Amino acid sequence: MIISIFKSGRKQEMYLYVEKAKGLADVPDTLKEMFGAPSLAMTMLIKPDQKLARADPETVISSIQSQGYYLQLPPKIESLLVPPE
C-alpha cells in the first residue's frame, strides 16, 4: 500500500496516515478540524514487516483499510524523560 503521511498544523508530532490514492477523503471533518492544516511529510510504500519509528505497520495498514486513516498521536512527555529498560 502506498501511503501519504501528513503532519498536523496544530499539534507537534501528530501525524495522519492515509492511502495516497484516496488522500484525506475518508478522514472525518471533526478530525480534520482538530488536526489543523495538513502538511505532507512524506509518501511511502508500507509493508506489514516494515519498521516504523513510532507505529506498528500492521496496525497502520489495518486502520487505513477499515476506517480510511491512522492517527499517530504525540508521545507522552513522561515517556521521553524515562529511559527505556
PDB file of N, CA and C in Angstrom:
ATOM      1  N   MET A   1       0.848  -1.178   0.000  1.00  0.00           N
ATOM      2  CA  MET A   1       0.000   0.000   0.000  1.00  0.00           C
ATOM      3  C   MET A   1       0.895   1.243   0.000  1.00  0.00           C
ATOM      4  N   ILE A   2       0.554   2.191  -0.846  1.00  0.00           N
ATOM      5  CA  ILE A   2       1.282   3.456  -0.866  1.00  0.00           C
ATOM      6  C   ILE A   2       0.488   4.440  -0.014  1.00  0.00           C
ATOM      7  N   ILE A   3       1.174   5.038   0.948  1.00  0.00           N
ATOM      8  CA  ILE A   3       0.504   5.944   1.870  1.00  0.00           C
ATOM      9  C   ILE A   3       1.114   7.342   1.811  1.00  0.00           C
ATOM     10  N   SER A   4       0.310   8.307   2.222  1.00  0.00           N
ATOM     11  CA  SER A   4       0.789   9.674   2.422  1.00  0.00           C
ATOM     12  C   SER A   4       0.703   9.951   3.909  1.00  0.00           C
ATOM     13  N   ILE A   5       1.715  10.605   4.442  1.00  0.00           N
ATOM     14  CA  ILE A   5       1.751  10.944   5.856  1.00  0.00           C
ATOM     15  C   ILE A   5       1.737  12.466   5.961  1.00  0.00           C
ATOM     16  N   PHE A   6       0.737  12.970   6.693  1.00  0.00           N
ATOM     17  CA  PHE A   6       0.576  14.404   6.870  1.00  0.00           C
ATOM     18  C   PHE A   6       0.905  14.804   8.298  1.00  0.00           C
ATOM     19  N   LYS A   7       1.584  15.924   8.439  1.00  0.00           N
ATOM     20  CA  LYS A   7       1.926  16.491   9.745  1.00  0.00           C
ATOM     21  C   LYS A   7       0.842  17.492  10.120  1.00  0.00           C
ATOM     22  N   SER A   8       0.467  17.488  11.397  1.00  0.00           N
ATOM     23  CA  SER A   8      -0.570  18.390  11.878  1.00  0.00           C
ATOM     24  C   SER A   8      -0.095  19.835  11.892  1.00  0.00           C
ATOM     25  N   GLY A   9      -1.002  20.737  11.562  1.00  0.00           N
ATOM     26  CA  GLY A   9      -0.714  22.157  11.643  1.00  0.00           C
ATOM     27  C   GLY A   9      -0.981  22.721  13.029  1.00  0.00           C
ATOM     28  N   ARG A  10      -1.534  21.888  13.921  1.00  0.00           N
ATOM     29  CA  ARG A  10      -1.879  22.355  15.264  1.00  0.00           C
ATOM     30  C   ARG A  10      -1.085  21.700  16.381  1.00  0.00           C
ATOM     31  N   LYS A  11      -0.782  20.424  16.248  1.00  0.00           N
ATOM     32  CA  LYS A  11      -0.100  19.695  17.320  1.00  0.00           C
ATOM     33  C   LYS A  11       1.227  19.152  16.817  1.00  0.00           C
ATOM     34  N   GLN A  12       2.286  19.448  17.561  1.00  0.00           N
ATOM     35  CA  GLN A  12       3.599  18.914  17.199  1.00  0.00           C
ATOM     36  C   GLN A  12       3.579  17.393  17.353  1.00  0.00           C
ATOM     37  N   GLU A  13       4.238  16.733  16.449  1.00  0.00           N
ATOM     38  CA  GLU A  13       4.417  15.278  16.449  1.00  0.00           C
ATOM     39  C   GLU A  13       3.114  14.505  16.321  1.00  0.00           C
ATOM     40  N   MET A  14       2.084  15.101  15.731  1.00  0.00           N
ATOM     41  CA  MET A  14       0.845  14.400  15.407  1.00  0.00           C
ATOM     42  C   MET A  14       0.829  14.212  13.896  1.00  0.00           C
ATOM     43  N   TYR A  15       0.598  12.973  13.474  1.00  0.00           N
ATOM     44  CA  TYR A  15       0.632  12.644  12.053  1.00  0.00           C
ATOM     45  C   TYR A  15      -0.603  11.865  11.655  1.00  0.00           C
ATOM     46  N   LEU A  16      -1.029  12.043  10.417  1.00  0.00           N
ATOM     47  CA  LEU A  16      -2.176  11.353   9.862  1.00  0.00           C
ATOM     48  C   LEU A  16      -1.699  10.552   8.652  1.00  0.00           C
ATOM     49  N   TYR A  17      -1.927   9.240   8.697  1.00  0.00           N
ATOM     50  CA  TYR A  17      -1.534   8.337   7.619  1.00  0.00           C
ATOM     51  C   TYR A  17      -2.789   7.996   6.820  1.00  0.00           C
ATOM     52  N   VAL A  18      -2.716   8.133   5.495  1.00  0.00           N
ATOM     53  CA  VAL A  18      -3.842   7.804   4.619  1.00  0.00           C
ATOM     54  C   VAL A  18      -3.326   7.101   3.370  1.00  0.00           C
ATOM     55  N   GLU A  19      -4.230   6.393   2.693  1.00  0.00           N
ATOM     56  CA  GLU A  19      -3.858   5.788   1.417  1.00  0.00           C
ATOM     57  C   GLU A  19      -3.682   6.916   0.407  1.00  0.00           C
ATOM     58  N   LYS A  20      -2.576   6.910  -0.305  1.00  0.00           N
ATOM     59  CA  LYS A  20      -2.250   8.012  -1.215  1.00  0.00           C
ATOM     60  C   LYS A  20      -3.346   8.240  -2.246  1.00  0.00           C
ATOM     61  N   ALA A  21      -3.888   7.168  -2.812  1.00  0.00           N
ATOM     62  CA  ALA A  21      -4.890   7.296  -3.866  1.00  0.00           C
ATOM     63  C   ALA A  21      -6.162   8.002  -3.390  1.00  0.00           C
ATOM     64  N   LYS A  22      -6.505   7.845  -2.118  1.00  0.00           N
ATOM     65  CA  LYS A  22      -7.733   8.448  -1.578  1.00  0.00           C
ATOM     66  C   LYS A  22      -7.483   9.791  -0.906  1.00  0.00           C
ATOM     67  N   GLY A  23      -6.255  10.027  -0.490  1.00  0.00           N
ATOM     68  CA  GLY A  23      -5.953  11.278   0.195  1.00  0.00           C
ATOM     69  C   GLY A  23      -6.734  11.404   1.493  1.00  0.00           C
ATOM     70  N   LEU A  24      -7.191  12.595   1.782  1.00  0.00           N
ATOM     71  CA  LEU A  24      -7.895  12.875   3.037  1.00  0.00           C
ATOM     72  C   LEU A  24      -9.411  12.704   2.917  1.00  0.00           C
ATOM     73  N   ALA A  25      -9.889  12.122   1.826  1.00  0.00           N
ATOM     74  CA  ALA A  25     -11.327  11.998   1.569  1.00  0.00           C
ATOM     75  C   ALA A  25     -12.072  11.230   2.658  1.00  0.00           C
ATOM     76  N   ASP A  26     -11.467  10.200   3.240  1.00  0.00           N
ATOM     77  CA  ASP A  26     -12.147   9.369   4.239  1.00  0.00           C
ATOM     78  C   ASP A  26     -11.963   9.855   5.674  1.00  0.00           C
ATOM     79  N   VAL A  27     -11.227  10.930   5.865  1.00  0.00           N
ATOM     80  CA  VAL A  27     -10.983  11.457   7.206  1.00  0.00           C
ATOM     81  C   VAL A  27     -12.196  12.294   7.627  1.00  0.00           C
ATOM     82  N   PRO A  28     -12.783  11.993   8.800  1.00  0.00           N
ATOM     83  CA  PRO A  28     -13.957  12.752   9.251  1.00  0.00           C
ATOM     84  C   PRO A  28     -13.649  14.252   9.404  1.00  0.00           C
ATOM     85  N   ASP A  29     -14.642  15.078   9.134  1.00  0.00           N
ATOM     86  CA  ASP A  29     -14.466  16.533   9.215  1.00  0.00           C
ATOM     87  C   ASP A  29     -14.031  16.984  10.604  1.00  0.00           C
ATOM     88  N   THR A  30     -14.575  16.349  11.651  1.00  0.00           N
ATOM     89  CA  THR A  30     -14.200  16.748  13.018  1.00  0.00           C
ATOM     90  C   THR A  30     -12.714  16.509  13.273  1.00  0.00           C
ATOM     91  N   LEU A  31     -12.185  15.410  12.741  1.00  0.00           N
ATOM     92  CA  LEU A  31     -10.754  15.131  12.889  1.00  0.00           C
ATOM     93  C   LEU A  31      -9.934  16.129  12.080  1.00  0.00           C
ATOM     94  N   LYS A  32     -10.396  16.452  10.890  1.00  0.00           N
ATOM     95  CA  LYS A  32      -9.695  17.444  10.062  1.00  0.00           C
ATOM     96  C   LYS A  32      -9.608  18.794  10.783  1.00  0.00           C
ATOM     97  N   GLU A  33     -10.702  19.187  11.440  1.00  0.00           N
ATOM     98  CA  GLU A  33     -10.714  20.453  12.172  1.00  0.00           C
ATOM     99  C   GLU A  33      -9.723  20.413  13.335  1.00  0.00           C
ATOM    100  N   MET A  34      -9.726  19.311  14.097  1.00  0.00           N
ATOM    101  CA  MET A  34      -8.825  19.169  15.231  1.00  0.00           C
ATOM    102  C   MET A  34      -7.365  19.116  14.767  1.00  0.00           C
ATOM    103  N   PHE A  35      -7.124  18.468  13.630  1.00  0.00           N
ATOM    104  CA  PHE A  35      -5.780  18.259  13.097  1.00  0.00           C
ATOM    105  C   PHE A  35      -5.154  19.558  12.590  1.00  0.00           C
ATOM    106  N   GLY A  36      -5.977  20.438  12.074  1.00  0.00           N
ATOM    107  CA  GLY A  36      -5.456  21.683  11.513  1.00  0.00           C
ATOM    108  C   GLY A  36      -5.016  21.493  10.070  1.00  0.00           C
ATOM    109  N   ALA A  37      -4.357  22.492   9.541  1.00  0.00           N
ATOM    110  CA  ALA A  37      -3.900  22.438   8.148  1.00  0.00           C
ATOM    111  C   ALA A  37      -2.856  21.339   7.981  1.00  0.00           C
ATOM    112  N   PRO A  38      -3.162  20.334   7.154  1.00  0.00           N
ATOM    113  CA  PRO A  38      -2.202  19.244   6.959  1.00  0.00           C
ATOM    114  C   PRO A  38      -1.055  19.661   6.055  1.00  0.00           C
ATOM    115  N   SER A  39       0.119  19.176   6.394  1.00  0.00           N
ATOM    116  CA  SER A  39       1.307  19.423   5.592  1.00  0.00           C
ATOM    117  C   SER A  39       1.903  18.062   5.228  1.00  0.00           C
ATOM    118  N   LEU A  40       2.041  17.793   3.945  1.00  0.00           N
ATOM    119  CA  LEU A  40       2.562  16.493   3.515  1.00  0.00           C
ATOM    120  C   LEU A  40       3.988  16.308   4.020  1.00  0.00           C
ATOM    121  N   ALA A  41       4.185  15.276   4.830  1.00  0.00           N
ATOM    122  CA  ALA A  41       5.513  14.976   5.368  1.00  0.00           C
ATOM    123  C   ALA A  41       6.261  14.019   4.455  1.00  0.00           C
ATOM    124  N   MET A  42       5.546  12.989   3.967  1.00  0.00           N
ATOM    125  CA  MET A  42       6.169  12.038   3.051  1.00  0.00           C
ATOM    126  C   MET A  42       5.138  11.108   2.440  1.00  0.00           C
ATOM    127  N   THR A  43       5.534  10.476   1.356  1.00  0.00           N
ATOM    128  CA  THR A  43       4.760   9.433   0.700  1.00  0.00           C
ATOM    129  C   THR A  43       5.664   8.223   0.633  1.00  0.00           C
ATOM    130  N   MET A  44       5.111   7.054   0.980  1.00  0.00           N
ATOM    131  CA  MET A  44       5.951   5.855   1.015  1.00  0.00           C
ATOM    132  C   MET A  44       5.136   4.590   0.797  1.00  0.00           C
ATOM    133  N   LEU A  45       5.832   3.537   0.454  1.00  0.00           N
ATOM    134  CA  LEU A  45       5.250   2.205   0.360  1.00  0.00           C
ATOM    135  C   LEU A  45       5.358   1.592   1.748  1.00  0.00           C
ATOM    136  N   ILE A  46       4.238   1.101   2.279  1.00  0.00           N
ATOM    137  CA  ILE A  46       4.261   0.482   3.596  1.00  0.00           C
ATOM    138  C   ILE A  46       3.933  -1.006   3.462  1.00  0.00           C
ATOM    139  N   LYS A  47       4.714  -1.828   4.177  1.00  0.00           N
ATOM    140  CA  LYS A  47       4.523  -3.275   4.184  1.00  0.00           C
ATOM    141  C   LYS A  47       4.408  -3.736   5.641  1.00  0.00           C
ATOM    142  N   PRO A  48       3.698  -4.843   5.893  1.00  0.00           N
ATOM    143  CA  PRO A  48       3.493  -5.312   7.263  1.00  0.00           C
ATOM    144  C   PRO A  48       4.780  -5.584   8.041  1.00  0.00           C
ATOM    145  N   ASP A  49       5.843  -5.961   7.365  1.00  0.00           N
ATOM    146  CA  ASP A  49       7.095  -6.295   8.058  1.00  0.00           C
ATOM    147  C   ASP A  49       8.073  -5.119   8.134  1.00  0.00           C
ATOM    148  N   GLN A  50       7.598  -3.960   7.740  1.00  0.00           N
ATOM    149  CA  GLN A  50       8.441  -2.762   7.723  1.00  0.00           C
ATOM    150  C   GLN A  50       8.594  -2.181   9.127  1.00  0.00           C
ATOM    151  N   LYS A  51       9.712  -1.536   9.379  1.00  0.00           N
ATOM    152  CA  LYS A  51       9.950  -0.889  10.665  1.00  0.00           C
ATOM    153  C   LYS A  51       9.578   0.590  10.557  1.00  0.00           C
ATOM    154  N   LEU A  52       8.733   1.032  11.480  1.00  0.00           N
ATOM    155  CA  LEU A  52       8.366   2.443  11.553  1.00  0.00           C
ATOM    156  C   LEU A  52       8.819   2.987  12.902  1.00  0.00           C
ATOM    157  N   ALA A  53       9.070   4.274  12.975  1.00  0.00           N
ATOM    158  CA  ALA A  53       9.612   4.875  14.193  1.00  0.00           C
ATOM    159  C   ALA A  53       8.684   4.727  15.399  1.00  0.00           C
ATOM    160  N   ARG A  54       7.414   5.092  15.258  1.00  0.00           N
ATOM    161  CA  ARG A  54       6.520   5.083  16.412  1.00  0.00           C
ATOM    162  C   ARG A  54       5.182   4.417  16.159  1.00  0.00           C
ATOM    163  N   ALA A  55       5.098   3.600  15.149  1.00  0.00           N
ATOM    164  CA  ALA A  55       3.826   2.941  14.847  1.00  0.00           C
ATOM    165  C   ALA A  55       4.082   1.523  14.368  1.00  0.00           C
ATOM    166  N   ASP A  56       3.128   0.662  14.651  1.00  0.00           N
ATOM    167  CA  ASP A  56       3.193  -0.715  14.168  1.00  0.00           C
ATOM    168  C   ASP A  56       2.616  -0.738  12.752  1.00  0.00           C
ATOM    169  N   PRO A  57       3.385  -1.195  11.767  1.00  0.00           N
ATOM    170  CA  PRO A  57       2.915  -1.133  10.380  1.00  0.00           C
ATOM    171  C   PRO A  57       1.629  -1.931  10.143  1.00  0.00           C
ATOM    172  N   GLU A  58       1.459  -3.061  10.820  1.00  0.00           N
ATOM    173  CA  GLU A  58       0.232  -3.846  10.645  1.00  0.00           C
ATOM    174  C   GLU A  58      -0.980  -3.071  11.163  1.00  0.00           C
ATOM    175  N   THR A  59      -0.807  -2.367  12.273  1.00  0.00           N
ATOM    176  CA  THR A  59      -1.891  -1.548  12.827  1.00  0.00           C
ATOM    177  C   THR A  59      -2.215  -0.393  11.891  1.00  0.00           C
ATOM    178  N   VAL A  60      -1.191   0.235  11.342  1.00  0.00           N
ATOM    179  CA  VAL A  60      -1.395   1.347  10.405  1.00  0.00           C
ATOM    180  C   VAL A  60      -2.183   0.869   9.191  1.00  0.00           C
ATOM    181  N   ILE A  61      -1.750  -0.225   8.589  1.00  0.00           N
ATOM    182  CA  ILE A  61      -2.413  -0.759   7.392  1.00  0.00           C
ATOM    183  C   ILE A  61      -3.859  -1.141   7.701  1.00  0.00           C
ATOM    184  N   SER A  62      -4.064  -1.856   8.802  1.00  0.00           N
ATOM    185  CA  SER A  62      -5.401  -2.293   9.198  1.00  0.00           C
ATOM    186  C   SER A  62      -6.327  -1.102   9.432  1.00  0.00           C
ATOM    187  N   SER A  63      -5.822  -0.092  10.109  1.00  0.00           N
ATOM    188  CA  SER A  63      -6.617   1.098  10.401  1.00  0.00           C
ATOM    189  C   SER A  63      -6.989   1.846   9.121  1.00  0.00           C
ATOM    190  N   ILE A  64      -6.054   1.968   8.211  1.00  0.00           N
ATOM    191  CA  ILE A  64      -6.329   2.652   6.937  1.00  0.00           C
ATOM    192  C   ILE A  64      -7.373   1.872   6.143  1.00  0.00           C
ATOM    193  N   GLN A  65      -7.264   0.554   6.137  1.00  0.00           N
ATOM    194  CA  GLN A  65      -8.220  -0.263   5.395  1.00  0.00           C
ATOM    195  C   GLN A  65      -9.616  -0.222   6.013  1.00  0.00           C
ATOM    196  N   SER A  66      -9.698  -0.181   7.349  1.00  0.00           N
ATOM    197  CA  SER A  66     -11.005  -0.236   7.997  1.00  0.00           C
ATOM    198  C   SER A  66     -11.679   1.130   8.146  1.00  0.00           C
ATOM    199  N   GLN A  67     -10.901   2.188   8.454  1.00  0.00           N
ATOM    200  CA  GLN A  67     -11.536   3.484   8.676  1.00  0.00           C
ATOM    201  C   GLN A  67     -11.054   4.586   7.748  1.00  0.00           C
ATOM    202  N   GLY A  68     -10.056   4.297   6.933  1.00  0.00           N
ATOM    203  CA  GLY A  68      -9.593   5.275   5.952  1.00  0.00           C
ATOM    204  C   GLY A  68      -8.411   6.118   6.389  1.00  0.00           C
ATOM    205  N   TYR A  69      -7.954   5.938   7.637  1.00  0.00           N
ATOM    206  CA  TYR A  69      -6.824   6.718   8.135  1.00  0.00           C
ATOM    207  C   TYR A  69      -6.249   6.068   9.391  1.00  0.00           C
ATOM    208  N   TYR A  70      -5.038   6.497   9.743  1.00  0.00           N
ATOM    209  CA  TYR A  70      -4.422   6.132  11.019  1.00  0.00           C
ATOM    210  C   TYR A  70      -3.881   7.428  11.617  1.00  0.00           C
ATOM    211  N   LEU A  71      -4.227   7.703  12.868  1.00  0.00           N
ATOM    212  CA  LEU A  71      -3.781   8.910  13.541  1.00  0.00           C
ATOM    213  C   LEU A  71      -2.680   8.558  14.527  1.00  0.00           C
ATOM    214  N   GLN A  72      -1.511   9.132  14.338  1.00  0.00           N
ATOM    215  CA  GLN A  72      -0.395   8.935  15.267  1.00  0.00           C
ATOM    216  C   GLN A  72      -0.348  10.137  16.198  1.00  0.00           C
ATOM    217  N   LEU A  73      -0.568   9.878  17.478  1.00  0.00           N
ATOM    218  CA  LEU A  73      -0.568  10.937  18.476  1.00  0.00           C
ATOM    219  C   LEU A  73       0.843  11.218  18.963  1.00  0.00           C
ATOM    220  N   PRO A  74       1.074  12.417  19.493  1.00  0.00           N
ATOM    221  CA  PRO A  74       2.403  12.737  20.032  1.00  0.00           C
ATOM    222  C   PRO A  74       2.717  11.836  21.221  1.00  0.00           C
ATOM    223  N   PRO A  75       3.989  11.517  21.429  1.00  0.00           N
ATOM    224  CA  PRO A  75       4.348  10.699  22.587  1.00  0.00           C
ATOM    225  C   PRO A  75       4.115  11.496  23.865  1.00  0.00           C
ATOM    226  N   LYS A  76       3.850  10.784  24.938  1.00  0.00           N
ATOM    227  CA  LYS A  76       3.673  11.462  26.222  1.00  0.00           C
ATOM    228  C   LYS A  76       5.023  11.993  26.678  1.00  0.00           C
ATOM    229  N   ILE A  77       5.012  13.135  27.284  1.00  0.00           N
ATOM    230  CA  ILE A  77       6.258  13.762  27.737  1.00  0.00           C
ATOM    231  C   ILE A  77       6.985  12.861  28.727  1.00  0.00           C
ATOM    232  N   GLU A  78       6.239  12.191  29.621  1.00  0.00           N
ATOM    233  CA  GLU A  78       6.879  11.321  30.604  1.00  0.00           C
ATOM    234  C   GLU A  78       7.683  10.210  29.931  1.00  0.00           C
ATOM    235  N   SER A  79       7.158   9.676  28.825  1.00  0.00           N
ATOM    236  CA  SER A  79       7.856   8.588  28.148  1.00  0.00           C
ATOM    237  C   SER A  79       9.164   9.057  27.523  1.00  0.00           C
ATOM    238  N   LEU A  80       9.266  10.350  27.250  1.00  0.00           N
ATOM    239  CA  LEU A  80      10.501  10.881  26.695  1.00  0.00           C
ATOM    240  C   LEU A  80      11.552  11.082  27.790  1.00  0.00           C
ATOM    241  N   LEU A  81      11.114  11.252  29.028  1.00  0.00           N
ATOM    242  CA  LEU A  81      12.023  11.502  30.126  1.00  0.00           C
ATOM    243  C   LEU A  81      12.563  10.234  30.783  1.00  0.00           C
ATOM    244  N   VAL A  82      11.802   9.139  30.661  1.00  0.00           N
ATOM    245  CA  VAL A  82      12.211   7.881  31.284  1.00  0.00           C
ATOM    246  C   VAL A  82      12.974   7.054  30.247  1.00  0.00           C
ATOM    247  N   PRO A  83      14.211   6.653  30.574  1.00  0.00           N
ATOM    248  CA  PRO A  83      14.981   5.844  29.615  1.00  0.00           C
ATOM    249  C   PRO A  83      14.351   4.454  29.460  1.00  0.00           C
ATOM    250  N   PRO A  84      14.412   3.866  28.265  1.00  0.00           N
ATOM    251  CA  PRO A  84      13.857   2.528  28.056  1.00  0.00           C
ATOM    252  C   PRO A  84      14.637   1.493  28.857  1.00  0.00           C
ATOM    253  N   GLU A  85      13.909   0.464  29.255  1.00  0.00           N
ATOM    254  CA  GLU A  85      14.556  -0.605  30.052  1.00  0.00           C
ATOM    255  C   GLU A  85      15.257  -1.605  29.171  1.00  0.00           C
TER     256      GLU A  85
END
